[in-house]
C-alpha atoms as a PDB file:
ATOM      1  CA  MET A   1       0.000   0.000   0.000  1.00  0.00           C
ATOM      2  CA  SER A   2       1.399   3.404  -1.012  1.00  0.00           C
ATOM      3  CA  LYS A   3       1.977   5.842   1.829  1.00  0.00           C
ATOM      4  CA  ILE A   4       1.373   9.601   1.574  1.00  0.00           C
ATOM      5  CA  LEU A   5       2.342  12.482   3.852  1.00  0.00           C
ATOM      6  CA  LEU A   6      -0.281  15.244   3.796  1.00  0.00           C
ATOM      7  CA  LEU A   7       0.753  18.721   4.975  1.00  0.00           C
ATOM      8  CA  GLU A   8      -2.440  20.776   5.267  1.00  0.00           C
ATOM      9  CA  ASP A   9      -3.687  23.062   8.040  1.00  0.00           C
ATOM     10  CA  ASP A  10      -7.322  23.125   6.876  1.00  0.00           C
ATOM     11  CA  PRO A  11      -8.989  20.352   8.927  1.00  0.00           C
ATOM     12  CA  ASN A  12     -12.092  20.142   6.726  1.00  0.00           C
ATOM     13  CA  LEU A  13     -10.133  19.693   3.509  1.00  0.00           C
ATOM     14  CA  SER A  14      -7.728  17.320   5.247  1.00  0.00           C
ATOM     15  CA  GLN A  15     -10.475  15.042   6.522  1.00  0.00           C
ATOM     16  CA  THR A  16     -12.088  14.995   3.078  1.00  0.00           C
ATOM     17  CA  LEU A  17      -8.806  14.024   1.409  1.00  0.00           C
ATOM     18  CA  ILE A  18      -7.966  11.440   4.070  1.00  0.00           C
ATOM     19  CA  ARG A  19     -11.333   9.694   3.694  1.00  0.00           C
ATOM     20  CA  TYR A  20     -11.221   9.807  -0.104  1.00  0.00           C
ATOM     21  CA  LEU A  21      -7.636   8.635  -0.517  1.00  0.00           C
ATOM     22  CA  LYS A  22      -7.941   5.908   2.110  1.00  0.00           C
ATOM     23  CA  PHE A  23     -11.063   4.664   0.348  1.00  0.00           C
ATOM     24  CA  ASN A  24      -8.952   4.443  -2.828  1.00  0.00           C
ATOM     25  CA  GLY A  25      -6.264   2.335  -1.191  1.00  0.00           C
ATOM     26  CA  PHE A  26      -3.708   4.815   0.152  1.00  0.00           C
ATOM     27  CA  GLU A  27      -2.256   5.106   3.641  1.00  0.00           C
ATOM     28  CA  LEU A  28      -1.932   8.675   4.960  1.00  0.00           C
ATOM     29  CA  ASP A  29      -0.166  10.591   7.701  1.00  0.00           C
ATOM     30  CA  TRP A  30      -1.557  14.078   8.299  1.00  0.00           C
ATOM     31  CA  VAL A  31       0.436  16.995   9.700  1.00  0.00           C
ATOM     32  CA  LYS A  32      -0.645  20.625  10.167  1.00  0.00           C
ATOM     33  CA  ASN A  33       2.665  22.527  10.096  1.00  0.00           C
ATOM     34  CA  GLY A  34       6.008  22.375   8.334  1.00  0.00           C
ATOM     35  CA  GLU A  35       8.111  21.457  11.341  1.00  0.00           C
ATOM     36  CA  GLU A  36       5.889  18.483  12.101  1.00  0.00           C
ATOM     37  CA  ALA A  37       6.100  17.447   8.456  1.00  0.00           C
ATOM     38  CA  LEU A  38       9.897  17.625   8.577  1.00  0.00           C
ATOM     39  CA  ASP A  39       9.959  15.384  11.646  1.00  0.00           C
ATOM     40  CA  PHE A  40       7.679  12.847   9.949  1.00  0.00           C
ATOM     41  CA  THR A  41       9.926  12.701   6.854  1.00  0.00           C
ATOM     42  CA  TYR A  42      12.906  11.823   9.044  1.00  0.00           C
ATOM     43  CA  GLU A  43      11.010   9.099  10.903  1.00  0.00           C
ATOM     44  CA  ASN A  44       9.094   7.507   8.016  1.00  0.00           C
ATOM     45  CA  ARG A  45       9.400   6.597   4.365  1.00  0.00           C
ATOM     46  CA  TYR A  46       6.730   7.942   2.016  1.00  0.00           C
ATOM     47  CA  ASP A  47       5.857   7.281  -1.596  1.00  0.00           C
ATOM     48  CA  LEU A  48       4.423  10.779  -2.124  1.00  0.00           C
ATOM     49  CA  TYR A  49       4.182  14.162  -0.422  1.00  0.00           C
ATOM     50  CA  LEU A  50       1.116  16.424  -0.634  1.00  0.00           C
ATOM     51  CA  PHE A  51       2.137  19.887   0.577  1.00  0.00           C
ATOM     52  CA  ASP A  52       0.100  23.050   1.024  1.00  0.00           C
ATOM     53  CA  ILE A  53       2.178  26.239   0.879  1.00  0.00           C
ATOM     54  CA  ASN A  54       0.613  28.541   3.475  1.00  0.00           C
ATOM     55  CA  VAL A  55       1.041  26.471   6.628  1.00  0.00           C
ATOM     56  CA  PRO A  56       2.492  27.419  10.035  1.00  0.00           C
ATOM     57  CA  LEU A  57       6.183  27.361  11.074  1.00  0.00           C
ATOM     58  CA  ILE A  58       7.738  26.239   7.768  1.00  0.00           C
ATOM     59  CA  ASN A  59       5.807  26.911   4.576  1.00  0.00           C
ATOM     60  CA  GLY A  60       5.482  24.182   1.950  1.00  0.00           C
ATOM     61  CA  ILE A  61       7.943  25.768  -0.479  1.00  0.00           C
ATOM     62  CA  ASP A  62      10.715  26.154   2.114  1.00  0.00           C
ATOM     63  CA  LEU A  63      10.039  22.666   3.435  1.00  0.00           C
ATOM     64  CA  LEU A  64      10.340  21.110  -0.001  1.00  0.00           C
ATOM     65  CA  LYS A  65      13.559  23.016  -0.693  1.00  0.00           C
ATOM     66  CA  GLU A  66      15.011  21.765   2.589  1.00  0.00           C
ATOM     67  CA  LEU A  67      14.064  18.190   1.729  1.00  0.00           C
ATOM     68  CA  ARG A  68      15.530  18.408  -1.768  1.00  0.00           C
ATOM     69  CA  ASP A  69      18.742  19.907  -0.370  1.00  0.00           C
ATOM     70  CA  ALA A  70      18.891  16.876   1.948  1.00  0.00           C
ATOM     71  CA  GLN A  71      18.646  14.574  -1.123  1.00  0.00           C
ATOM     72  CA  ASP A  72      15.032  13.615  -0.432  1.00  0.00           C
ATOM     73  CA  PHE A  73      13.514  13.330  -3.893  1.00  0.00           C
ATOM     74  CA  THR A  74      10.157  11.845  -2.881  1.00  0.00           C
ATOM     75  CA  PRO A  75       7.574  12.849  -5.542  1.00  0.00           C
ATOM     76  CA  THR A  76       5.685  15.933  -4.366  1.00  0.00           C
ATOM     77  CA  ILE A  77       2.404  17.503  -5.390  1.00  0.00           C
ATOM     78  CA  ILE A  78       1.742  21.018  -4.118  1.00  0.00           C
ATOM     79  CA  ILE A  79      -1.903  21.828  -3.343  1.00  0.00           C
ATOM     80  CA  SER A  80      -2.421  25.543  -2.829  1.00  0.00           C
ATOM     81  CA  ALA A  81      -4.848  28.447  -3.109  1.00  0.00           C
ATOM     82  CA  LEU A  82      -1.947  30.524  -4.450  1.00  0.00           C
ATOM     83  CA  ILE A  83      -2.546  30.663  -8.184  1.00  0.00           C
ATOM     84  CA  ASP A  84      -0.127  33.430  -9.207  1.00  0.00           C
ATOM     85  CA  VAL A  85       2.620  32.533 -11.656  1.00  0.00           C
ATOM     86  CA  GLU A  86       5.353  33.442  -9.160  1.00  0.00           C
ATOM     87  CA  SER A  87       4.136  30.934  -6.557  1.00  0.00           C
ATOM     88  CA  ILE A  88       3.694  28.192  -9.127  1.00  0.00           C
ATOM     89  CA  THR A  89       7.155  28.877 -10.528  1.00  0.00           C
ATOM     90  CA  LYS A  90       8.722  28.770  -7.063  1.00  0.00           C
ATOM     91  CA  GLY A  91       7.040  25.444  -6.398  1.00  0.00           C
ATOM     92  CA  PHE A  92       8.514  23.824  -9.487  1.00  0.00           C
ATOM     93  CA  MET A  93      11.910  25.480  -9.027  1.00  0.00           C
ATOM     94  CA  VAL A  94      12.390  23.923  -5.580  1.00  0.00           C
ATOM     95  CA  GLY A  95      11.482  20.490  -6.904  1.00  0.00           C
ATOM     96  CA  ALA A  96       7.699  19.995  -7.006  1.00  0.00           C
ATOM     97  CA  ASP A  97       6.492  17.382  -9.479  1.00  0.00           C
ATOM     98  CA  ASP A  98       2.998  18.821  -9.838  1.00  0.00           C
ATOM     99  CA  TYR A  99       0.948  21.812  -8.676  1.00  0.00           C
ATOM    100  CA  LEU A 100      -2.803  21.647  -8.074  1.00  0.00           C
ATOM    101  CA  LYS A 101      -4.749  24.841  -7.486  1.00  0.00           C
ATOM    102  CA  LYS A 102      -7.446  25.002  -4.817  1.00  0.00           C
ATOM    103  CA  PRO A 103     -10.334  24.444  -4.897  1.00  0.00           C
ATOM    104  CA  PHE A 104     -10.037  21.127  -6.688  1.00  0.00           C
ATOM    105  CA  ASP A 105     -12.018  17.934  -7.099  1.00  0.00           C
ATOM    106  CA  PRO A 106     -10.507  15.080  -5.029  1.00  0.00           C
ATOM    107  CA  GLU A 107     -10.924  12.873  -8.088  1.00  0.00           C
ATOM    108  CA  GLU A 108      -8.551  15.120 -10.042  1.00  0.00           C
ATOM    109  CA  LEU A 109      -6.004  14.825  -7.243  1.00  0.00           C
ATOM    110  CA  LEU A 110      -6.402  11.035  -7.297  1.00  0.00           C
ATOM    111  CA  ILE A 111      -5.737  10.980 -11.050  1.00  0.00           C
ATOM    112  CA  ARG A 112      -2.556  13.013 -10.577  1.00  0.00           C
ATOM    113  CA  ILE A 113      -1.389  10.818  -7.703  1.00  0.00           C
ATOM    114  CA  LYS A 114      -1.944   7.632  -9.703  1.00  0.00           C
ATOM    115  CA  ALA A 115      -0.134   9.118 -12.682  1.00  0.00           C
ATOM    116  CA  LYS A 116       2.862  10.001 -10.527  1.00  0.00           C
ATOM    117  CA  MET A 117       2.875   6.585  -8.843  1.00  0.00           C
ATOM    118  CA  GLN A 118       2.711   4.890 -12.225  1.00  0.00           C
ATOM    119  CA  GLN A 119       5.787   6.758 -13.414  1.00  0.00           C
ATOM    120  CA  LEU A 120       7.730   5.313 -10.498  1.00  0.00           C
ATOM    121  CA  LYS A 121       7.050   1.718 -11.483  1.00  0.00           C
ATOM    122  CA  PRO A 122       9.563   0.125 -13.870  1.00  0.00           C
ATOM    123  CA  SER A 123       6.813  -1.804 -15.627  1.00  0.00           C
ATOM    124  CA  LEU A 124       3.056  -2.111 -15.870  1.00  0.00           C
ATOM    125  CA  LYS A 125       1.168  -5.341 -16.509  1.00  0.00           C
ATOM    126  CA  VAL A 126      -2.348  -5.367 -17.935  1.00  0.00           C
ATOM    127  CA  GLY A 127      -3.709  -8.755 -18.917  1.00  0.00           C
ATOM    128  CA  ASN A 128      -1.070 -10.444 -21.091  1.00  0.00           C
ATOM    129  CA  PHE A 129       0.601  -7.136 -21.940  1.00  0.00           C
ATOM    130  CA  GLU A 130       3.618  -5.630 -20.202  1.00  0.00           C
ATOM    131  CA  LEU A 131       4.712  -2.017 -20.605  1.00  0.00           C
ATOM    132  CA  ASN A 132       8.313  -1.274 -19.658  1.00  0.00           C
ATOM    133  CA  ILE A 133       8.079   2.395 -18.755  1.00  0.00           C
ATOM    134  CA  GLN A 134      11.806   3.094 -18.702  1.00  0.00           C
ATOM    135  CA  GLU A 135      12.564   1.321 -21.987  1.00  0.00           C
ATOM    136  CA  GLU A 136       9.253   2.469 -23.550  1.00  0.00           C
ATOM    137  CA  SER A 137       8.646  -1.035 -24.902  1.00  0.00           C
ATOM    138  CA  ILE A 138       5.501  -3.177 -24.932  1.00  0.00           C
ATOM    139  CA  LYS A 139       5.361  -6.966 -24.883  1.00  0.00           C
ATOM    140  CA  LYS A 140       2.463  -9.338 -25.460  1.00  0.00           C
ATOM    141  CA  GLU A 141       2.861 -12.733 -23.825  1.00  0.00           C
ATOM    142  CA  GLY A 142       6.579 -11.986 -23.484  1.00  0.00           C
ATOM    143  CA  LYS A 143       7.078 -11.061 -27.151  1.00  0.00           C
ATOM    144  CA  LEU A 144       8.029  -7.527 -28.154  1.00  0.00           C
ATOM    145  CA  LEU A 145       5.441  -5.642 -30.188  1.00  0.00           C
ATOM    146  CA  HIS A 146       6.886  -3.617 -33.065  1.00  0.00           C
ATOM    147  CA  LEU A 147       4.573  -0.614 -33.119  1.00  0.00           C
ATOM    148  CA  SER A 148       4.820   2.666 -34.975  1.00  0.00           C
ATOM    149  CA  PRO A 149       5.503   5.721 -32.765  1.00  0.00           C
ATOM    150  CA  ILE A 150       1.828   6.805 -32.908  1.00  0.00           C
ATOM    151  CA  GLN A 151       0.552   3.278 -32.243  1.00  0.00           C
ATOM    152  CA  LYS A 152       2.925   2.960 -29.290  1.00  0.00           C
ATOM    153  CA  ALA A 153       1.808   6.324 -27.874  1.00  0.00           C
ATOM    154  CA  ILE A 154      -1.873   5.387 -28.178  1.00  0.00           C
ATOM    155  CA  PHE A 155      -1.437   1.891 -26.755  1.00  0.00           C
ATOM    156  CA  THR A 156       0.769   3.156 -23.916  1.00  0.00           C
ATOM    157  CA  LEU A 157      -1.936   5.614 -22.889  1.00  0.00           C
ATOM    158  CA  LEU A 158      -4.592   2.889 -23.048  1.00  0.00           C
ATOM    159  CA  LEU A 159      -2.436   0.683 -20.806  1.00  0.00           C
ATOM    160  CA  LYS A 160      -1.721   3.442 -18.302  1.00  0.00           C
ATOM    161  CA  GLN A 161      -5.369   4.459 -18.064  1.00  0.00           C
ATOM    162  CA  TYR A 162      -6.745   0.917 -17.712  1.00  0.00           C
ATOM    163  CA  PRO A 163      -9.325   0.065 -16.377  1.00  0.00           C
ATOM    164  CA  ASN A 164     -10.548   3.571 -17.209  1.00  0.00           C
ATOM    165  CA  PRO A 165     -11.254   4.671 -20.788  1.00  0.00           C
ATOM    166  CA  VAL A 166      -9.127   7.163 -22.688  1.00  0.00           C
ATOM    167  CA  THR A 167     -11.068  10.073 -24.156  1.00  0.00           C
ATOM    168  CA  LYS A 168     -11.068  10.865 -27.876  1.00  0.00           C
ATOM    169  CA  GLU A 169      -9.596  14.272 -27.064  1.00  0.00           C
ATOM    170  CA  GLN A 170      -6.598  12.672 -25.310  1.00  0.00           C
ATOM    171  CA  LEU A 171      -5.966  10.373 -28.259  1.00  0.00           C
ATOM    172  CA  THR A 172      -6.315  13.011 -30.975  1.00  0.00           C
ATOM    173  CA  GLU A 173      -3.497  14.955 -29.313  1.00  0.00           C
ATOM    174  CA  LEU A 174      -1.199  12.011 -30.054  1.00  0.00           C
ATOM    175  CA  THR A 175      -1.825  11.958 -33.805  1.00  0.00           C
ATOM    176  CA  ASN A 176      -0.030  14.084 -36.389  1.00  0.00           C
ATOM    177  CA  ASN A 177      -3.099  15.901 -37.663  1.00  0.00           C
ATOM    178  CA  GLY A 178      -5.161  15.776 -34.477  1.00  0.00           C
ATOM    179  CA  SER A 179      -8.264  14.214 -36.029  1.00  0.00           C
ATOM    180  CA  GLU A 180     -10.655  11.560 -34.751  1.00  0.00           C
ATOM    181  CA  GLY A 181     -10.339   9.827 -38.111  1.00  0.00           C
ATOM    182  CA  ALA A 182      -6.619   9.362 -37.601  1.00  0.00           C
ATOM    183  CA  VAL A 183      -7.306   7.894 -34.163  1.00  0.00           C
ATOM    184  CA  ARG A 184      -9.801   5.404 -35.619  1.00  0.00           C
ATOM    185  CA  VAL A 185      -7.268   4.314 -38.251  1.00  0.00           C
ATOM    186  CA  GLN A 186      -4.581   3.660 -35.638  1.00  0.00           C
ATOM    187  CA  ILE A 187      -7.003   1.886 -33.299  1.00  0.00           C
ATOM    188  CA  ASN A 188      -8.104  -0.403 -36.153  1.00  0.00           C
ATOM    189  CA  LYS A 189      -4.462  -1.200 -36.969  1.00  0.00           C
ATOM    190  CA  LEU A 190      -3.811  -2.133 -33.339  1.00  0.00           C
ATOM    191  CA  LYS A 191      -6.856  -4.408 -33.394  1.00  0.00           C
ATOM    192  CA  THR A 192      -6.248  -6.093 -36.742  1.00  0.00           C
ATOM    193  CA  SER A 193      -2.444  -6.245 -36.906  1.00  0.00           C
ATOM    194  CA  PHE A 194      -1.732  -7.099 -33.271  1.00  0.00           C
ATOM    195  CA  ASN A 195      -5.009  -8.695 -32.147  1.00  0.00           C
ATOM    196  CA  ILE A 196      -5.477  -6.121 -29.383  1.00  0.00           C
ATOM    197  CA  GLN A 197      -9.049  -5.920 -28.126  1.00  0.00           C
ATOM    198  CA  ILE A 198     -10.162  -2.279 -27.788  1.00  0.00           C
ATOM    199  CA  LYS A 199     -13.705  -1.167 -27.063  1.00  0.00           C
ATOM    200  CA  ASN A 200     -15.267   1.995 -28.456  1.00  0.00           C
ATOM    201  CA  ILE A 201     -17.149   3.622 -25.566  1.00  0.00           C
ATOM    202  CA  ARG A 202     -19.760   5.748 -27.307  1.00  0.00           C
ATOM    203  CA  GLY A 203     -19.482   9.415 -26.437  1.00  0.00           C
ATOM    204  CA  VAL A 204     -16.350   8.851 -24.329  1.00  0.00           C
ATOM    205  CA  GLY A 205     -13.444   7.218 -26.132  1.00  0.00           C
ATOM    206  CA  TYR A 206     -11.675   3.863 -26.053  1.00  0.00           C
ATOM    207  CA  LEU A 207     -10.983   1.180 -23.476  1.00  0.00           C
ATOM    208  CA  LEU A 208      -8.745  -1.888 -23.470  1.00  0.00           C
ATOM    209  CA  ASP A 209     -10.739  -5.109 -23.281  1.00  0.00           C
ATOM    210  CA  VAL A 210      -8.493  -7.590 -21.440  1.00  0.00           C
END
């Protein structure tokens, strides 16, 4: 089970996030100020940090800088009501991996957390397919699939999103001309040439059928 450290001084938001993320399979420690967060990072190992900026004692930006200076490169998502470019820039400059502006939907946060966690895994297995994230290769039943760059990009996204569908808008961004027709052509090639089962979810997009 992945473990998250949440630095947030708003008790209502914190309780909402704790309930939601625990329901989705994460373990959380909650701290209300930067000094407490620093102590927790020394005493525990975390898979992800969620840091607000405006918190007592040590703000989230200074805390993250201190951790990075101490060679702690735990993935970090900043959640903050500060939406000015300067604050966002500071967050990324000290080593944040993502920045989510308040107010936000907990589901959006969950999507970002899962995406970050997925990047940390060396490989992803879905059915009889295996995606090697570092090598950017895909195997079916242990055999390497020789896909075109666009086919690989589309199939990689379908694998990463599984068991959720990928929207047509997401897929069109991967094609050269950005058209739904180009997406359909590539999807059909994946299905016919490589015997990959892909469902068309009407009005939504596409989903791997494994």
